[in-house]
Amino acid sequence: MNVEAALAETKKTLSLKRYEHVERVTDTALYLAEKYGADRDKVGLAAALHDYAKHMDRELLKHWIVTSNDIPKDLLDYHHELWHGPVGAKMVKQWFMIDDIDVLGAITWHTTGHVQMSLIEKIVFLADYIEPGRDFEPVHEARRLAEHDIDQACQYALQQTIYFLMSKGQPVYPETFHAYNALTMSLNQNGG
């Protein structure tokens, strides 16, 4: 499956507004792939499919989590907005026969991040955060950082996500904390 075909499949499942977001994320991800030397085909495919399950029925997403052997059940304890990444990756694998670990990982973790993200996972995570349609205070600094250091940009995006959720009294998915800590420790060790 190529990027155009992936976008066409995603378009079938989303509102126009959400689909336009996916297009912007894909463009941003391809820009970052070029900048950081990542595989453009994998990045484009993951970005085009990252929100494939975003607007699917909540009960359907829950069913996939409950019946899957490899989607963490603790997701059900957190906001349903986190479900579409892991479930979307499973759907993409099953329905489109995509079994590339980089593509599936980037779809799975694009909302929460995780420890030891691959370059492709970082790119899709960051592209989703900084795409041009986003307009909130921290996004400007994240975009600036993305031009110079993808690890600093991802660490900053994770930090801001944690701040935002805490300010709203919302729980933070543990993997987001772990991803933030791992990037922070790595940056500190490397003088970042």
Protein backbone atom coordinates (compact mmCIF):
# COMPACT_ATOMS: atom_id res chain seq x y z
CA MET A 1 0.00 0.00 0.00
CA ASN A 2 1.33 3.44 -0.87
CA VAL A 3 0.61 6.79 0.80
CA GLU A 4 -2.12 7.78 -1.65
CA ALA A 5 -3.97 4.49 -1.17
CA ALA A 6 -3.59 4.79 2.62
CA LEU A 7 -5.00 8.32 2.56
CA ALA A 8 -7.93 7.11 0.46
CA GLU A 9 -8.71 4.36 3.00
CA THR A 10 -8.40 6.77 5.91
CA LYS A 11 -10.68 9.29 4.20
CA LYS A 12 -13.47 6.69 4.26
CA THR A 13 -13.45 6.57 8.07
CA LEU A 14 -13.09 10.25 9.01
CA SER A 15 -14.87 13.57 8.89
CA LEU A 16 -13.52 16.07 6.37
CA LYS A 17 -11.94 18.14 9.14
CA ARG A 18 -10.13 15.12 10.64
CA TYR A 19 -9.07 13.91 7.19
CA GLU A 20 -7.53 17.33 6.46
CA HIS A 21 -5.60 16.96 9.73
CA VAL A 22 -4.30 13.58 8.50
CA GLU A 23 -3.16 15.18 5.23
CA ARG A 24 -1.29 17.89 7.16
CA VAL A 25 0.28 15.32 9.49
CA THR A 26 1.39 13.30 6.46
CA ASP A 27 2.96 16.35 4.81
CA THR A 28 4.68 17.34 8.07
CA ALA A 29 5.90 13.79 8.67
CA LEU A 30 7.34 13.55 5.16
CA TYR A 31 9.14 16.86 5.72
CA LEU A 32 10.60 15.55 9.00
CA ALA A 33 11.53 12.23 7.34
CA GLU A 34 13.53 14.14 4.75
CA LYS A 35 15.13 16.31 7.42
CA TYR A 36 16.14 13.42 9.68
CA GLY A 37 16.88 10.76 7.06
CA ALA A 38 14.01 8.38 7.80
CA ASP A 39 12.35 6.03 5.32
CA ARG A 40 9.81 8.24 3.53
CA ASP A 41 7.60 5.34 2.45
CA LYS A 42 7.21 4.01 5.99
CA VAL A 43 6.74 7.48 7.48
CA GLY A 44 4.17 8.45 4.87
CA LEU A 45 2.22 5.22 5.30
CA ALA A 46 2.16 5.49 9.11
CA ALA A 47 1.18 9.16 9.02
CA ALA A 48 -1.58 8.54 6.48
CA LEU A 49 -3.03 5.76 8.64
CA HIS A 50 -2.36 7.14 12.14
CA ASP A 51 -5.98 8.23 12.74
CA TYR A 52 -7.62 5.45 10.74
CA ALA A 53 -9.70 4.33 13.76
CA LYS A 54 -10.17 7.80 15.29
CA HIS A 55 -13.89 8.16 14.54
CA MET A 56 -14.89 4.53 14.87
CA ASP A 57 -17.50 3.57 17.41
CA ARG A 58 -16.16 3.52 20.96
CA GLU A 59 -17.72 0.12 21.67
CA LEU A 60 -15.99 -1.32 18.60
CA LEU A 61 -12.62 0.02 19.78
CA LYS A 62 -13.28 -1.37 23.25
CA HIS A 63 -14.13 -4.77 21.74
CA TRP A 64 -10.81 -4.83 19.89
CA ILE A 65 -8.93 -4.02 23.10
CA VAL A 66 -10.80 -6.62 25.16
CA THR A 67 -10.36 -9.41 22.59
CA SER A 68 -6.79 -8.65 21.53
CA ASN A 69 -3.87 -10.57 22.98
CA ASP A 70 -1.41 -7.73 22.54
CA ILE A 71 -3.23 -4.45 23.21
CA PRO A 72 -2.70 -3.41 26.84
CA LYS A 73 -5.97 -3.77 28.75
CA ASP A 74 -5.05 -0.83 31.00
CA LEU A 75 -5.95 1.47 28.09
CA LEU A 76 -9.56 0.94 29.12
CA ASP A 77 -8.81 2.79 32.38
CA TYR A 78 -7.79 5.93 30.44
CA HIS A 79 -9.54 8.34 28.12
CA HIS A 80 -10.98 6.70 25.01
CA GLU A 81 -8.98 9.15 22.85
CA LEU A 82 -5.98 6.87 23.48
CA TRP A 83 -7.66 3.78 22.07
CA HIS A 84 -7.58 4.58 18.36
CA GLY A 85 -3.80 4.28 17.97
CA PRO A 86 -3.32 0.69 19.18
CA VAL A 87 -6.63 -0.47 17.73
CA GLY A 88 -5.95 1.30 14.44
CA ALA A 89 -2.61 -0.46 14.15
CA LYS A 90 -4.32 -3.83 14.66
CA MET A 91 -6.97 -3.00 12.07
CA VAL A 92 -4.38 -1.86 9.55
CA LYS A 93 -2.39 -5.03 10.07
CA GLN A 94 -5.42 -7.29 9.73
CA TRP A 95 -7.33 -5.51 6.98
CA PHE A 96 -4.53 -4.09 4.82
CA MET A 97 -1.91 -6.78 5.51
CA ILE A 98 0.63 -4.20 6.69
CA ASP A 99 3.05 -5.95 9.00
CA ASP A 100 5.94 -3.50 9.06
CA ILE A 101 6.89 -3.02 12.71
CA ASP A 102 7.94 0.61 12.18
CA VAL A 103 4.65 1.57 10.53
CA LEU A 104 2.53 -0.27 13.09
CA GLY A 105 4.56 1.13 16.00
CA ALA A 106 4.16 4.68 14.75
CA ILE A 107 0.38 4.23 14.48
CA THR A 108 0.17 2.54 17.89
CA TRP A 109 2.17 5.16 19.80
CA HIS A 110 1.36 8.40 17.99
CA THR A 111 -0.79 9.68 20.87
CA THR A 112 1.09 8.53 23.96
CA GLY A 113 4.66 7.97 22.88
CA HIS A 114 6.63 5.19 24.55
CA VAL A 115 10.11 4.31 25.77
CA GLN A 116 12.72 3.82 23.04
CA MET A 117 10.67 5.26 20.21
CA SER A 118 12.16 4.60 16.79
CA LEU A 119 12.91 7.52 14.51
CA ILE A 120 9.75 6.80 12.51
CA GLU A 121 7.66 6.69 15.69
CA LYS A 122 9.14 10.01 16.82
CA ILE A 123 8.43 11.61 13.47
CA VAL A 124 4.76 10.59 13.35
CA PHE A 125 4.26 11.47 17.04
CA LEU A 126 5.80 14.90 16.50
CA ALA A 127 4.09 15.56 13.16
CA ASP A 128 0.73 14.89 14.82
CA TYR A 129 1.61 17.45 17.50
CA ILE A 130 3.04 20.22 15.29
CA GLU A 131 1.07 20.00 12.02
CA PRO A 132 0.19 23.48 10.67
CA GLY A 133 -3.48 23.29 11.68
CA ARG A 134 -2.59 23.12 15.36
CA ASP A 135 -2.76 26.44 17.17
CA PHE A 136 -2.00 26.40 20.88
CA GLU A 137 0.76 28.11 22.82
CA PRO A 138 3.37 25.30 23.16
CA VAL A 139 3.14 24.25 19.50
CA HIS A 140 5.33 27.16 18.38
CA GLU A 141 8.24 26.06 20.56
CA ALA A 142 7.76 22.43 19.49
CA ARG A 143 7.97 23.49 15.84
CA ARG A 144 11.12 25.49 16.55
CA LEU A 145 12.73 22.53 18.31
CA ALA A 146 11.69 20.18 15.48
CA GLU A 147 13.93 22.13 13.13
CA HIS A 148 17.01 21.33 15.21
CA ASP A 149 16.61 18.23 17.38
CA ILE A 150 13.83 15.66 17.11
CA ASP A 151 14.53 14.27 20.59
CA GLN A 152 14.23 17.68 22.21
CA ALA A 153 11.05 18.37 20.25
CA CYS A 154 9.47 15.05 21.27
CA GLN A 155 10.53 15.51 24.89
CA TYR A 156 9.00 18.99 24.90
CA ALA A 157 5.75 17.75 23.30
CA LEU A 158 5.48 14.98 25.89
CA GLN A 159 6.17 17.45 28.70
CA GLN A 160 3.50 19.84 27.45
CA THR A 161 1.01 17.00 27.06
CA ILE A 162 1.64 15.94 30.65
CA TYR A 163 1.29 19.55 31.88
CA PHE A 164 -1.96 19.96 29.96
CA LEU A 165 -3.53 16.76 31.28
CA MET A 166 -2.46 17.55 34.84
CA SER A 167 -3.88 21.08 34.58
CA LYS A 168 -7.24 19.53 33.65
CA GLY A 169 -7.08 17.00 36.48
CA GLN A 170 -6.87 14.17 33.95
CA PRO A 171 -4.85 10.98 34.41
CA VAL A 172 -1.73 10.57 32.29
CA TYR A 173 -1.12 7.24 30.58
CA PRO A 174 2.00 5.72 32.21
CA GLU A 175 3.79 5.15 28.91
CA THR A 176 3.72 8.91 28.31
CA PHE A 177 5.59 9.49 31.57
CA HIS A 178 8.03 6.72 30.68
CA ALA A 179 8.65 8.20 27.22
CA TYR A 180 9.22 11.65 28.73
CA ASN A 181 11.61 10.27 31.35
CA ALA A 182 13.58 8.22 28.82
CA LEU A 183 14.04 11.17 26.46
CA THR A 184 14.89 13.53 29.34
CA MET A 185 17.55 11.15 30.71
CA SER A 186 18.99 10.59 27.25
CA LEU A 187 19.15 14.32 26.54
CA ASN A 188 20.74 14.99 29.94
CA GLN A 189 23.37 12.30 29.33
CA ASN A 190 24.15 13.71 25.91
CA GLY A 191 24.22 17.32 27.07
CA GLY A 192 20.90 18.19 25.36
